[in-house]
Structure formats: C-alpha cells, structure tokens
Protein backbone atom coordinates (compact mmCIF):
# COMPACT_ATOMS: atom_id res chain seq x y z
CA UNK A 1 94.68 -98.71 -35.59
CA UNK A 2 96.30 -95.67 -34.75
CA UNK A 3 97.84 -92.63 -35.39
CA UNK A 4 98.70 -89.06 -34.19
CA UNK A 5 99.71 -86.24 -36.31
CA UNK A 6 99.18 -82.02 -36.17
CA UNK A 7 99.59 -78.79 -37.62
CA UNK A 8 99.40 -75.25 -37.80
CA UNK A 9 96.34 -73.60 -39.26
CA UNK A 10 96.47 -69.73 -39.92
CA UNK A 11 93.52 -68.27 -37.65
CA UNK A 12 93.39 -68.00 -33.93
CA UNK A 13 91.96 -70.51 -31.75
CA UNK A 14 88.44 -69.45 -31.79
CA UNK A 15 87.93 -69.55 -35.88
CA UNK A 16 89.32 -73.13 -35.65
CA UNK A 17 86.92 -74.32 -32.88
CA UNK A 18 84.06 -72.86 -34.56
CA UNK A 19 85.33 -74.18 -37.62
CA UNK A 20 85.10 -77.85 -36.46
CA UNK A 21 81.32 -77.49 -35.03
CA UNK A 22 80.00 -76.00 -38.24
CA UNK A 23 78.13 -79.06 -40.00
CA UNK A 24 79.01 -77.36 -43.42
CA UNK A 25 82.61 -77.09 -42.42
CA UNK A 26 82.40 -80.80 -41.79
CA UNK A 27 80.56 -81.74 -44.78
CA UNK A 28 83.29 -80.23 -46.93
CA UNK A 29 85.92 -81.52 -45.22
CA UNK A 30 85.32 -85.36 -44.86
CA UNK A 31 86.11 -87.36 -48.50
CA UNK A 32 83.12 -88.34 -50.17
CA UNK A 33 80.83 -86.90 -47.75
CA UNK A 34 77.37 -86.95 -49.36
CA UNK A 35 75.25 -85.65 -46.76
CA UNK A 36 75.79 -83.85 -42.96
CA UNK A 37 72.97 -82.89 -40.78
CA UNK A 38 72.75 -82.28 -37.09
CA UNK A 39 74.65 -80.14 -34.72
CA UNK A 40 77.80 -80.13 -31.99
CA UNK A 41 75.37 -80.76 -28.82
CA UNK A 42 73.26 -83.30 -30.34
CA UNK A 43 75.46 -85.32 -32.64
CA UNK A 44 76.09 -85.04 -36.05
CA UNK A 45 74.20 -87.62 -38.81
CA UNK A 46 76.50 -88.57 -42.26
CA UNK A 47 76.25 -90.49 -45.22
CA UNK A 48 79.94 -91.04 -47.06
CA UNK A 49 80.86 -92.87 -50.03
CA UNK A 50 84.46 -94.51 -50.47
CA UNK A 51 85.89 -97.01 -52.29
CA UNK A 52 89.05 -98.84 -50.16
CA UNK A 53 90.61 -101.25 -52.44
CA UNK A 54 87.91 -103.09 -54.45
CA UNK A 55 85.33 -102.52 -51.94
CA UNK A 56 83.01 -99.41 -52.66
CA UNK A 57 80.67 -98.87 -50.03
CA UNK A 58 78.09 -95.89 -48.99
CA UNK A 59 78.65 -95.71 -45.17
CA UNK A 60 76.16 -94.00 -42.77
CA UNK A 61 76.86 -93.21 -39.60
CA UNK A 62 77.01 -90.64 -36.56
CA UNK A 63 79.50 -88.82 -34.95
CA UNK A 64 79.21 -87.36 -31.07
CA UNK A 65 81.57 -84.41 -29.60
CA UNK A 66 82.14 -84.82 -25.68
CA UNK A 67 84.98 -83.61 -23.61
CA UNK A 68 84.21 -80.35 -25.02
CA UNK A 69 86.36 -77.20 -23.76
CA UNK A 70 85.61 -74.66 -25.63
CA UNK A 71 88.62 -73.23 -27.89
CA UNK A 72 90.71 -75.91 -26.28
CA UNK A 73 89.87 -79.66 -26.79
CA UNK A 74 87.37 -81.98 -27.75
CA UNK A 75 86.81 -85.88 -28.10
CA UNK A 76 85.01 -87.45 -31.59
CA UNK A 77 83.52 -90.74 -31.71
CA UNK A 78 81.65 -92.00 -34.55
CA UNK A 79 80.15 -95.16 -35.60
CA UNK A 80 79.66 -95.93 -39.61
CA UNK A 81 77.70 -99.14 -41.08
CA UNK A 82 78.16 -99.65 -44.92
CA UNK A 83 75.91 -102.70 -45.97
CA UNK A 84 77.85 -105.50 -46.79
CA UNK A 85 81.41 -103.98 -46.89
CA UNK A 86 81.30 -104.02 -43.21
CA UNK A 87 81.70 -101.07 -40.68
CA UNK A 88 83.85 -98.46 -39.12
CA UNK A 89 84.43 -97.00 -35.89
CA UNK A 90 86.67 -95.13 -33.88
CA UNK A 91 87.57 -91.45 -32.10
CA UNK A 92 89.74 -88.78 -32.10
CA UNK A 93 90.94 -86.57 -29.16
CA UNK A 94 91.37 -83.11 -30.65
CA UNK A 95 93.43 -79.97 -29.01
CA UNK A 96 93.89 -76.41 -29.97
CA UNK A 97 96.86 -74.37 -29.16
CA UNK A 98 97.40 -70.96 -30.30
CA UNK A 99 100.93 -70.72 -31.18
CA UNK A 100 102.94 -68.37 -33.22
CA UNK A 101 101.60 -67.84 -36.75
CA UNK A 102 97.64 -68.72 -36.14
CA UNK A 103 96.78 -72.26 -34.24
CA UNK A 104 98.23 -76.01 -33.72
CA UNK A 105 95.85 -78.47 -34.06
CA UNK A 106 96.64 -82.05 -32.83
CA UNK A 107 94.69 -84.93 -33.16
CA UNK A 108 95.10 -88.64 -32.04
CA UNK A 109 92.82 -90.84 -33.92
CA UNK A 110 91.67 -94.41 -33.37
CA UNK A 111 89.94 -96.69 -35.77
CA UNK A 112 88.54 -100.22 -36.18
CA UNK A 113 86.98 -101.79 -39.25
CA UNK A 114 85.27 -104.96 -39.63
CA UNK A 115 83.15 -107.02 -42.08
CA UNK A 116 84.63 -107.22 -45.83
CA UNK A 117 86.71 -104.32 -45.30
CA UNK A 118 88.58 -106.03 -42.45
CA UNK A 119 89.57 -108.72 -44.70
CA UNK A 120 91.68 -106.42 -46.81
CA UNK A 121 94.71 -106.41 -44.66
CA UNK A 122 95.98 -103.85 -41.87
CA UNK A 123 98.30 -102.14 -44.47
CA UNK A 124 95.25 -101.49 -46.95
CA UNK A 125 93.12 -100.44 -44.29
CA UNK A 126 96.17 -97.94 -42.02
CA UNK A 127 96.88 -96.46 -45.46
CA UNK A 128 93.58 -95.22 -46.48
CA UNK A 129 92.90 -94.11 -43.10
CA UNK A 130 96.05 -92.39 -43.25
CA UNK A 131 95.16 -90.58 -46.56
CA UNK A 132 91.71 -89.50 -45.01
CA UNK A 133 93.12 -88.29 -42.46
CA UNK A 134 95.70 -85.82 -44.29
CA UNK A 135 92.63 -85.33 -46.68
CA UNK A 136 90.00 -84.14 -44.20
CA UNK A 137 93.33 -81.91 -42.10
CA UNK A 138 94.04 -80.61 -45.45
CA UNK A 139 90.37 -79.75 -46.61
CA UNK A 140 89.79 -78.00 -43.10
CA UNK A 141 92.71 -76.30 -43.13
CA UNK A 142 92.02 -74.76 -46.69
CA UNK A 143 88.47 -73.92 -45.54
CA UNK A 144 89.72 -71.70 -42.47
CA UNK A 145 92.65 -69.95 -44.08
CA UNK A 146 92.29 -70.07 -47.68
CA UNK A 147 93.55 -71.62 -51.06
CA UNK A 148 97.73 -72.78 -50.13
CA UNK A 149 100.13 -70.70 -51.94
CA UNK A 150 100.03 -73.06 -54.51
CA UNK A 151 96.67 -72.99 -55.39
CA UNK A 152 96.91 -69.37 -55.65
CA UNK A 153 99.44 -69.57 -58.17
CA UNK A 154 97.36 -71.97 -60.41
CA UNK A 155 94.44 -69.37 -59.63
CA UNK A 156 93.24 -66.99 -62.30
CA UNK A 157 95.49 -63.87 -62.60
CA UNK A 158 93.05 -61.45 -62.53
CA UNK A 159 91.82 -62.53 -59.03
CA UNK A 160 95.57 -60.95 -58.30
CA UNK A 161 94.29 -57.22 -58.69
CA UNK A 162 93.65 -56.78 -54.82
CA UNK A 163 97.05 -58.63 -54.11
CA UNK A 164 96.03 -59.89 -50.80
CA UNK A 165 95.63 -63.73 -49.75
CA UNK A 166 92.30 -65.08 -50.58
CA UNK A 167 90.50 -65.64 -47.15
CA UNK A 168 88.75 -69.69 -47.04
CA UNK A 169 85.09 -69.66 -47.07
CA UNK A 170 84.71 -70.22 -43.44
CA UNK A 171 86.91 -67.25 -42.71
CA UNK A 172 84.29 -65.18 -44.84
CA UNK A 173 81.44 -66.27 -42.95
CA UNK A 174 82.91 -65.20 -39.52
CA UNK A 175 84.93 -61.70 -40.41
C-alpha cells in the first residue's frame, strides 16, 4: 500500500524539523501510542494499541530515521509486531519546503501488513492506513501550530482575553 500527501504547517522549517525529531511530540501524534522512547540518532521504540476492523492488538516496534538532511528531509522506517494479529512494517520519505505562511510537509508512505491483519482485505487496511496517516499529521500540525480556528471557537471564552492565537504545546517549548 502506498500513499502520498502534503500539508502546510504555520511554522518555520526549523521548528517543524525539531518537532519531527522529538519523541514526546511523536508520542502525542501517533494515534493509540502508549509509550515512546529513544532518540533520533538511535531510533525510537514504541507501543501502540489499535483496532483494525475486528482485530485489536498491541504493537511493539521500532522506528529508525535515516537519510537526514537537517531542516529539509528524512526517511522513517519502522516495524511493529502485534502477536497473533500479525505485523506491520513500512517507511515514509518526508520533505520540508519553506513556503509563504510556513512549511510544506510532503510525505510518501509505503506499508505492508501480515498475519490476521492481512486477511482483513486491502480495502479495510488501505482505509485504516490513510486514516492513521491523516490523524498523525493533523495531530502533528496541531502540536506545532496550536489548535485550529474551529477548536479555538469552542474553547473557553475566558481564553479570548488576550486576543492572540494560542500556540501549540511544542511551539511554547521552543519559544
């Protein structure tokens, strides 16, 4: 299964780059992530709980970063095992380009599954993989930028006193 997409994040490339390399940001962004440890240099270990169709499993796996060009691009490759549910492995080529209003983040993802997961059929797996990627990058964008205007509208009115846009929790750390 392969997919590609892009989105513009309202932050400079160096902030987006720092967020991609931060295990705390990644833990918050990966749907179902229970635990994330490690570093960009040595790789990350993660525990993720997910339900795909009727199959719910806890995946333990690793993610390694390679071909890193600071502030511009990197390759993520990972593998996770979910016991009787099977396994998932794949990778993503991620590139960052400075654009007006922030940074364009492009990604090309390739993933494979095996075991019970593979028996679910490609339509279910492809839909789930697309949903997971969309959720991850939406969460990532919110962590870097702050809540979207829709989320701001539903926030407490008391937060509107300052009149300035809320920062994402990662942006607060680096400011």
